[in-house]
């Protein structure tokens, strides 16, 4: 019943169209007998003109594939194409093949304009086609056979189809990042930046912060160099350091596609970003910070735990150092003075190269009281040890 109701609807539509078009329009031909409408809702990107029901105007901006219903074909077609005029001279130069051409009934043909994967998975129309009046053609090739006395021939039916005018297409932005504290000059390649009469199809170029649509930065100035390239200058500002921005161009026929989420009704297989499935962005460099100076390494704790002055039987002054372990290679200074000699006693039982007692002779009185510093065999200086011993001047050896 549903199919029957659909057929009756299209049959009624066909009668109404033929009745209203009984008198051919000026410039029409005998081939202009087909009727083309979208087969369901056509989804476009945000800020692009919506495609009205039963109208093809605007399908040039459709996301991914476009399914069409074609009425009043006098034969059962097996293939078809859309011929697009790419330079506005009235002569179609570009052929867009139709896919899955099939006859649902003697009145109704269904066909699909497929996405141009892998280069342009998000659109069914080459970027050279900026819309306008195109021509839809249905074909049936008939081969020679017993029931065909005419030999091979091709049946053909066609009609004009209004694709609507395409919104600007932005492919990329170069450079893709920089220091936003200074002005940034971007080269923005794409398509459909000019209309057929040479008037601009772009009246604004702007950047929108990713995740924050309220932060919009308009290009300070821009120049449309040709139909495929824009030069735009931005003053984004140091306050936006570290942020990323989506780049757009907009004009009388809508805003370029740069999807971050799919619109309602779009096929799940349709890519985000632009027609190539690429998000066009510019990223501001992160703010420069002065790194903290590296922390000074903590000195090794002093191995000295005690110091005391003693006098030998011969009357010589010595300084006895008690340590946790000092090697023979260690250098010891007392109050900045290097003593005349060091004598190492009491080797460590676990590490015989380390000694727990050091006998200091000569010149040490010049540095006492003072700080005792030990530099170990690895040239590492230990923490200073404060020795408060004082030599008896009268008994100090010269």
Protein backbone atom coordinates (compact mmCIF):
# COMPACT_ATOMS: atom_id res chain seq x y z
CA UNK A 1 0.00 0.00 0.00
CA UNK A 2 2.86 2.36 0.80
CA UNK A 3 4.45 1.82 -2.63
CA UNK A 4 1.08 2.26 -4.34
CA UNK A 5 0.50 5.52 -2.49
CA UNK A 6 3.96 6.71 -3.52
CA UNK A 7 3.32 5.87 -7.16
CA UNK A 8 -0.04 7.67 -7.07
CA UNK A 9 1.63 10.72 -5.57
CA UNK A 10 4.23 10.92 -8.31
CA UNK A 11 1.67 10.19 -10.98
CA UNK A 12 -0.46 13.09 -9.72
CA UNK A 13 2.63 15.29 -9.59
CA UNK A 14 3.50 14.31 -13.13
CA UNK A 15 0.04 15.25 -14.39
CA UNK A 16 0.19 18.62 -12.65
CA UNK A 17 3.62 19.42 -14.06
CA UNK A 18 2.67 18.39 -17.59
CA UNK A 19 -0.55 20.39 -17.34
CA UNK A 20 1.27 23.52 -16.20
CA UNK A 21 3.98 23.05 -18.84
CA UNK A 22 1.80 22.24 -21.83
CA UNK A 23 3.34 25.15 -23.66
CA UNK A 24 7.15 24.68 -23.91
CA UNK A 25 9.23 27.44 -22.39
CA UNK A 26 11.43 29.54 -24.62
CA UNK A 27 14.64 27.70 -25.46
CA UNK A 28 13.31 24.29 -24.38
CA UNK A 29 13.86 21.16 -26.44
CA UNK A 30 12.03 17.94 -26.99
CA UNK A 31 14.35 16.31 -24.45
CA UNK A 32 13.19 18.53 -21.59
CA UNK A 33 10.55 16.10 -20.39
CA UNK A 34 12.07 14.68 -17.19
CA UNK A 35 11.17 15.82 -13.70
CA UNK A 36 13.88 15.60 -10.99
CA UNK A 37 13.38 15.87 -7.22
CA UNK A 38 15.44 14.71 -4.21
CA UNK A 39 14.58 11.26 -2.86
CA UNK A 40 14.19 12.39 0.74
CA UNK A 41 15.83 15.06 2.90
CA UNK A 42 19.07 16.64 1.71
CA UNK A 43 21.43 17.52 4.57
CA UNK A 44 23.85 20.46 4.24
CA UNK A 45 26.43 21.96 6.59
CA UNK A 46 25.47 24.63 9.15
CA UNK A 47 25.00 28.15 7.73
CA UNK A 48 24.36 26.85 4.22
CA UNK A 49 20.99 27.30 2.43
CA UNK A 50 18.57 24.48 3.16
CA UNK A 51 17.27 22.39 0.27
CA UNK A 52 13.49 22.76 0.13
CA UNK A 53 11.27 19.69 -0.33
CA UNK A 54 10.75 18.66 -3.97
CA UNK A 55 13.54 21.05 -5.07
CA UNK A 56 17.06 20.39 -6.29
CA UNK A 57 18.21 23.95 -5.61
CA UNK A 58 21.09 23.64 -3.14
CA UNK A 59 21.97 19.97 -3.58
CA UNK A 60 25.41 21.17 -4.71
CA UNK A 61 26.14 21.62 -0.95
CA UNK A 62 24.77 18.21 0.07
CA UNK A 63 26.77 16.13 2.53
CA UNK A 64 28.05 12.98 0.84
CA UNK A 65 25.79 11.23 -1.67
CA UNK A 66 22.58 12.59 -3.21
CA UNK A 67 19.68 10.32 -4.12
CA UNK A 68 17.25 11.52 -6.79
CA UNK A 69 13.82 10.55 -8.12
CA UNK A 70 13.39 11.12 -11.86
CA UNK A 71 9.90 11.05 -13.39
CA UNK A 72 8.60 10.74 -16.95
CA UNK A 73 11.50 8.86 -18.52
CA UNK A 74 10.11 7.22 -21.73
CA UNK A 75 12.32 4.13 -21.29
CA UNK A 76 14.01 2.09 -18.58
CA UNK A 77 17.49 3.69 -18.28
CA UNK A 78 20.62 1.79 -17.30
CA UNK A 79 22.99 4.70 -16.71
CA UNK A 80 23.07 8.46 -16.43
CA UNK A 81 25.13 11.55 -15.71
CA UNK A 82 24.94 15.17 -14.69
CA UNK A 83 26.70 17.64 -16.96
CA UNK A 84 28.03 20.72 -15.15
CA UNK A 85 29.03 24.06 -16.68
CA UNK A 86 32.22 24.98 -14.82
CA UNK A 87 32.98 28.38 -16.37
CA UNK A 88 29.59 29.95 -17.00
CA UNK A 89 29.76 29.84 -20.80
CA UNK A 90 26.59 27.77 -21.09
CA UNK A 91 28.46 24.69 -22.33
CA UNK A 92 28.76 21.74 -19.92
CA UNK A 93 32.40 20.67 -19.52
CA UNK A 94 32.24 18.26 -16.58
CA UNK A 95 30.46 14.89 -16.42
CA UNK A 96 29.36 13.49 -13.05
CA UNK A 97 28.28 9.83 -13.41
CA UNK A 98 25.12 8.60 -11.71
CA UNK A 99 25.16 5.38 -9.73
CA UNK A 100 22.54 2.72 -9.01
CA UNK A 101 20.24 3.88 -11.81
CA UNK A 102 17.11 1.72 -11.59
CA UNK A 103 13.49 1.91 -12.64
CA UNK A 104 11.07 1.61 -9.74
CA UNK A 105 8.09 1.76 -12.10
CA UNK A 106 7.24 2.91 -15.62
CA UNK A 107 6.96 6.42 -14.18
CA UNK A 108 9.75 6.54 -11.64
CA UNK A 109 13.54 6.14 -11.84
CA UNK A 110 15.87 6.27 -8.85
CA UNK A 111 19.54 7.28 -9.15
CA UNK A 112 22.37 8.33 -6.83
CA UNK A 113 25.14 10.89 -7.23
CA UNK A 114 27.87 9.10 -5.21
CA UNK A 115 30.52 10.81 -3.03
CA UNK A 116 33.85 11.31 -4.76
CA UNK A 117 35.92 9.05 -2.50
CA UNK A 118 38.72 8.92 -1.66
CA UNK A 119 39.71 12.48 -2.63
CA UNK A 120 36.38 14.14 -1.75
CA UNK A 121 34.43 11.73 0.47
CA UNK A 122 32.18 14.50 1.79
CA UNK A 123 30.63 15.62 -1.50
CA UNK A 124 29.15 14.21 -4.70
CA UNK A 125 30.24 17.18 -6.81
CA UNK A 126 33.78 17.98 -8.02
CA UNK A 127 35.13 21.27 -6.69
CA UNK A 128 35.25 22.67 -10.23
CA UNK A 129 31.45 22.50 -10.30
CA UNK A 130 30.14 25.52 -8.40
CA UNK A 131 26.48 24.86 -9.17
CA UNK A 132 23.96 26.67 -11.29
CA UNK A 133 21.95 25.10 -14.11
CA UNK A 134 23.28 21.68 -15.09
CA UNK A 135 21.82 18.94 -17.27
CA UNK A 136 20.72 15.50 -16.12
CA UNK A 137 20.95 12.80 -18.77
CA UNK A 138 19.52 9.25 -18.67
CA UNK A 139 20.80 6.63 -21.09
CA UNK A 140 19.97 3.16 -22.29
CA UNK A 141 22.28 1.42 -24.68
CA UNK A 142 20.54 -1.14 -26.87
CA UNK A 143 22.69 -3.79 -28.52
CA UNK A 144 22.12 -5.51 -31.88
CA UNK A 145 20.05 -8.70 -31.80
CA UNK A 146 17.38 -10.79 -33.51
CA UNK A 147 14.68 -8.43 -32.25
CA UNK A 148 16.60 -5.27 -33.22
CA UNK A 149 16.78 -4.59 -36.95
CA UNK A 150 18.35 -1.16 -36.43
CA UNK A 151 21.65 -2.29 -34.94
CA UNK A 152 23.20 -0.79 -31.81
CA UNK A 153 21.82 2.53 -30.64
CA UNK A 154 21.44 4.59 -27.44
CA UNK A 155 18.24 5.99 -25.99
CA UNK A 156 18.69 9.35 -24.32
CA UNK A 157 16.48 11.63 -22.24
CA UNK A 158 17.60 14.79 -20.48
CA UNK A 159 16.44 17.89 -18.69
CA UNK A 160 17.94 20.97 -17.03
CA UNK A 161 18.47 20.71 -13.27
CA UNK A 162 19.15 23.63 -10.93
CA UNK A 163 21.88 22.59 -8.48
CA UNK A 164 21.84 25.92 -6.65
CA UNK A 165 25.00 27.94 -6.05
CA UNK A 166 27.76 26.43 -4.00
CA UNK A 167 28.97 27.91 -0.72
CA UNK A 168 32.71 28.70 -0.64
CA UNK A 169 34.90 25.62 -0.22
CA UNK A 170 37.99 25.95 2.01
CA UNK A 171 40.58 23.20 1.54
CA UNK A 172 43.35 24.29 3.92
CA UNK A 173 45.14 27.21 5.55
CA UNK A 174 48.87 27.89 5.33
CA UNK A 175 50.64 28.23 7.63
CA UNK A 176 48.67 26.01 9.99
CA UNK A 177 50.12 27.61 13.12
CA UNK A 178 52.20 30.50 14.41
CA UNK A 179 52.78 33.19 17.02
CA UNK A 180 49.43 34.91 17.54
CA UNK A 181 51.07 37.82 19.35
CA UNK A 182 51.94 39.08 15.87
CA UNK A 183 49.77 39.33 12.72
CA UNK A 184 49.43 36.15 10.68
CA UNK A 185 49.06 36.13 6.90
CA UNK A 186 47.22 32.99 5.72
CA UNK A 187 46.96 31.52 2.25
CA UNK A 188 43.53 29.87 1.99
CA UNK A 189 43.11 27.60 -1.05
CA UNK A 190 39.70 26.23 -2.01
CA UNK A 191 37.03 26.67 -4.67
CA UNK A 192 34.01 28.73 -5.69
CA UNK A 193 35.38 32.00 -4.29
CA UNK A 194 33.96 33.93 -7.29
CA UNK A 195 30.57 33.85 -9.01
CA UNK A 196 30.14 33.41 -12.76
CA UNK A 197 29.90 37.17 -13.29
CA UNK A 198 33.15 37.73 -11.38
CA UNK A 199 31.48 39.05 -8.25
CA UNK A 200 32.77 37.70 -4.93
CA UNK A 201 31.24 34.59 -3.41
CA UNK A 202 33.24 35.40 -0.26
CA UNK A 203 32.51 38.49 1.81
CA UNK A 204 34.14 37.42 5.10
CA UNK A 205 36.99 35.20 6.28
CA UNK A 206 37.07 34.36 9.97
CA UNK A 207 38.40 32.01 12.65
CA UNK A 208 36.35 30.32 15.38
CA UNK A 209 38.03 28.86 18.47
CA UNK A 210 37.68 25.09 18.68
CA UNK A 211 35.26 24.30 21.50
CA UNK A 212 34.32 27.95 22.05
CA UNK A 213 32.11 29.25 19.20
CA UNK A 214 31.72 32.59 20.98
CA UNK A 215 35.37 33.43 20.28
CA UNK A 216 35.30 34.61 16.65
CA UNK A 217 38.25 36.43 15.05
CA UNK A 218 37.49 38.19 11.77
CA UNK A 219 40.27 38.60 9.23
CA UNK A 220 41.51 42.19 9.38
CA UNK A 221 41.62 42.15 5.59
CA UNK A 222 41.54 39.60 2.80
CA UNK A 223 41.94 39.49 -0.97
CA UNK A 224 40.33 36.98 -3.37
CA UNK A 225 43.28 36.30 -5.65
CA UNK A 226 41.25 34.02 -7.93
CA UNK A 227 38.45 31.47 -7.82
CA UNK A 228 40.70 29.06 -5.92
CA UNK A 229 42.83 31.19 -3.55
CA UNK A 230 42.32 33.80 -0.84
CA UNK A 231 45.00 35.77 1.01
CA UNK A 232 43.78 36.70 4.52
CA UNK A 233 45.47 38.64 7.35
CA UNK A 234 44.54 37.93 10.99
CA UNK A 235 45.33 39.74 14.24
CA UNK A 236 44.43 36.92 16.64
CA UNK A 237 46.25 38.30 19.68
CA UNK A 238 48.59 36.98 22.36
CA UNK A 239 45.62 36.26 24.66
CA UNK A 240 44.76 33.31 22.39
CA UNK A 241 48.17 31.64 22.73
CA UNK A 242 47.86 27.86 22.76
CA UNK A 243 44.36 27.86 21.23
CA UNK A 244 43.24 26.30 17.93
CA UNK A 245 40.85 27.96 15.48
CA UNK A 246 38.64 26.64 12.67
CA UNK A 247 39.01 28.70 9.48
CA UNK A 248 35.90 29.67 7.47
CA UNK A 249 34.96 31.72 4.42
CA UNK A 250 31.40 32.96 3.96
CA UNK A 251 29.40 34.86 1.39
CA UNK A 252 25.98 35.28 -0.24
CA UNK A 253 25.60 31.51 -0.75
CA UNK A 254 26.58 30.34 2.72
CA UNK A 255 29.58 29.48 4.85
CA UNK A 256 32.29 26.98 4.00
CA UNK A 257 32.03 23.51 5.50
CA UNK A 258 34.26 22.70 8.50
CA UNK A 259 32.30 20.20 10.56
CA UNK A 260 33.16 19.29 14.14
CA UNK A 261 29.96 17.20 14.49
CA UNK A 262 27.60 15.76 11.90
CA UNK A 263 24.30 17.63 11.40
CA UNK A 264 21.09 15.79 12.23
CA UNK A 265 20.08 13.49 9.41
CA UNK A 266 23.58 13.10 7.94
CA UNK A 267 24.83 9.60 7.24
CA UNK A 268 27.14 8.26 9.94
CA UNK A 269 29.72 7.47 7.26
CA UNK A 270 29.96 11.10 6.19
CA UNK A 271 33.29 12.63 7.31
CA UNK A 272 33.82 15.63 9.55
CA UNK A 273 35.76 18.68 8.42
CA UNK A 274 35.49 19.93 4.85
CA UNK A 275 34.62 18.18 1.59
CA UNK A 276 37.95 16.33 1.78
CA UNK A 277 37.19 15.15 5.30
CA UNK A 278 39.84 17.50 6.76
CA UNK A 279 39.31 20.06 9.51
CA UNK A 280 40.93 23.35 8.47
CA UNK A 281 42.57 24.89 11.52
CA UNK A 282 45.17 27.40 12.65
CA UNK A 283 46.87 26.81 16.02
CA UNK A 284 48.46 29.60 18.05
CA UNK A 285 51.82 28.78 19.60
CA UNK A 286 51.73 28.04 23.32
CA UNK A 287 52.76 30.93 25.59
CA UNK A 288 56.47 31.13 26.20
CA UNK A 289 57.48 30.59 29.78
CA UNK A 290 60.86 31.08 31.45
CA UNK A 291 61.83 27.75 32.95
CA UNK A 292 62.89 27.72 36.58
CA UNK A 293 66.65 27.39 36.97
CA UNK A 294 67.67 23.86 37.83
CA UNK A 295 67.95 23.28 41.51
CA UNK A 296 71.50 23.21 42.76
CA UNK A 297 72.53 19.68 43.66
CA UNK A 298 72.63 19.08 47.35
CA UNK A 299 76.21 18.59 48.59
CA UNK A 300 77.18 15.27 50.04
CA UNK A 301 77.03 15.28 53.85
CA UNK A 302 80.41 15.80 55.45
CA UNK A 303 82.12 12.54 56.41
CA UNK A 304 83.73 14.31 59.42
CA UNK A 305 81.93 13.78 62.72
CA UNK A 306 84.54 15.16 65.19
CA UNK A 307 87.81 17.14 65.32
CA UNK A 308 90.29 17.67 68.15
CA UNK A 309 93.78 19.08 68.53
CA UNK A 310 96.45 16.90 70.07
CA UNK A 311 100.17 17.29 70.75
CA UNK A 312 102.63 14.51 70.10
CA UNK A 313 105.44 13.55 72.48
CA UNK A 314 107.78 15.59 70.31
CA UNK A 315 105.60 18.67 70.80
CA UNK A 316 104.09 18.73 67.28
CA UNK A 317 100.44 19.84 66.96
CA UNK A 318 98.14 17.46 65.11
CA UNK A 319 94.45 17.58 64.29
CA UNK A 320 92.64 14.28 64.74
CA UNK A 321 89.59 13.91 62.46
CA UNK A 322 87.03 11.22 63.17
CA UNK A 323 85.08 10.32 59.98
CA UNK A 324 82.42 8.01 58.58
CA UNK A 325 84.91 7.09 55.85
CA UNK A 326 87.48 9.06 53.84
CA UNK A 327 89.66 7.71 51.04
CA UNK A 328 93.38 8.35 50.57
CA UNK A 329 92.48 10.26 47.38
CA UNK A 330 90.42 12.81 49.26
CA UNK A 331 91.51 16.44 49.41
CA UNK A 332 90.98 18.19 52.77
CA UNK A 333 91.12 21.94 53.45
CA UNK A 334 90.86 23.60 56.87
CA UNK A 335 89.57 27.15 56.81
CA UNK A 336 90.59 27.21 53.13
CA UNK A 337 94.16 26.09 53.97
CA UNK A 338 95.54 22.84 52.61
CA UNK A 339 97.51 21.07 55.35
CA UNK A 340 101.08 19.84 54.92
CA UNK A 341 100.27 16.14 55.30
CA UNK A 342 97.47 13.66 55.97
CA UNK A 343 97.84 10.29 57.64
CA UNK A 344 94.98 7.77 57.36
CA UNK A 345 94.19 5.29 60.14
CA UNK A 346 91.50 2.71 61.01
CA UNK A 347 90.43 1.29 57.63
CA UNK A 348 86.76 0.39 57.32
CA UNK A 349 86.19 -3.36 57.80
CA UNK A 350 83.73 -3.50 54.87
CA UNK A 351 85.67 -1.12 52.60
CA UNK A 352 89.40 -1.05 53.35
CA UNK A 353 89.91 1.87 50.95
CA UNK A 354 88.01 4.11 53.37
CA UNK A 355 89.44 5.28 56.72
CA UNK A 356 87.74 6.43 59.91
CA UNK A 357 90.63 8.48 61.31
CA UNK A 358 92.70 11.14 59.59
CA UNK A 359 95.72 12.75 61.30
CA UNK A 360 96.37 16.24 59.93
CA UNK A 361 99.82 17.79 60.32
CA UNK A 362 101.24 21.17 59.37
CA UNK A 363 99.53 24.48 58.49
CA UNK A 364 96.15 23.46 59.94
CA UNK A 365 96.45 26.03 62.74
CA UNK A 366 96.32 28.79 60.12
CA UNK A 367 92.72 27.75 59.35
CA UNK A 368 91.46 27.05 62.88
CA UNK A 369 88.90 27.61 64.03
CA UNK A 370 87.30 27.14 60.62
CA UNK A 371 85.35 25.04 58.19
CA UNK A 372 86.77 21.67 57.12
CA UNK A 373 85.86 20.66 53.55
CA UNK A 374 86.48 17.24 52.01
CA UNK A 375 86.59 16.72 48.24
CA UNK A 376 86.26 13.01 47.46
CA UNK A 377 87.86 10.98 44.68
CA UNK A 378 84.96 11.82 42.31
CA UNK A 379 85.67 15.55 42.72
CA UNK A 380 82.46 15.96 44.68
CA UNK A 381 82.68 18.52 47.45
CA UNK A 382 81.05 17.56 50.73
CA UNK A 383 79.30 19.82 53.16
CA UNK A 384 81.62 21.86 55.38
CA UNK A 385 82.22 20.75 58.96
CA UNK A 386 82.74 23.50 61.55
CA UNK A 387 85.78 22.81 63.72
CA UNK A 388 86.03 25.14 66.73
CA UNK A 389 89.48 23.99 67.89
CA UNK A 390 92.09 26.71 68.49
CA UNK A 391 95.82 26.18 68.46
CA UNK A 392 97.86 27.44 71.48
CA UNK A 393 99.90 30.17 69.85
CA UNK A 394 102.77 29.72 72.20
CA UNK A 395 103.00 26.03 71.32
CA UNK A 396 102.29 26.33 67.59
CA UNK A 397 105.12 25.18 65.41
CA UNK A 398 106.32 27.74 62.86
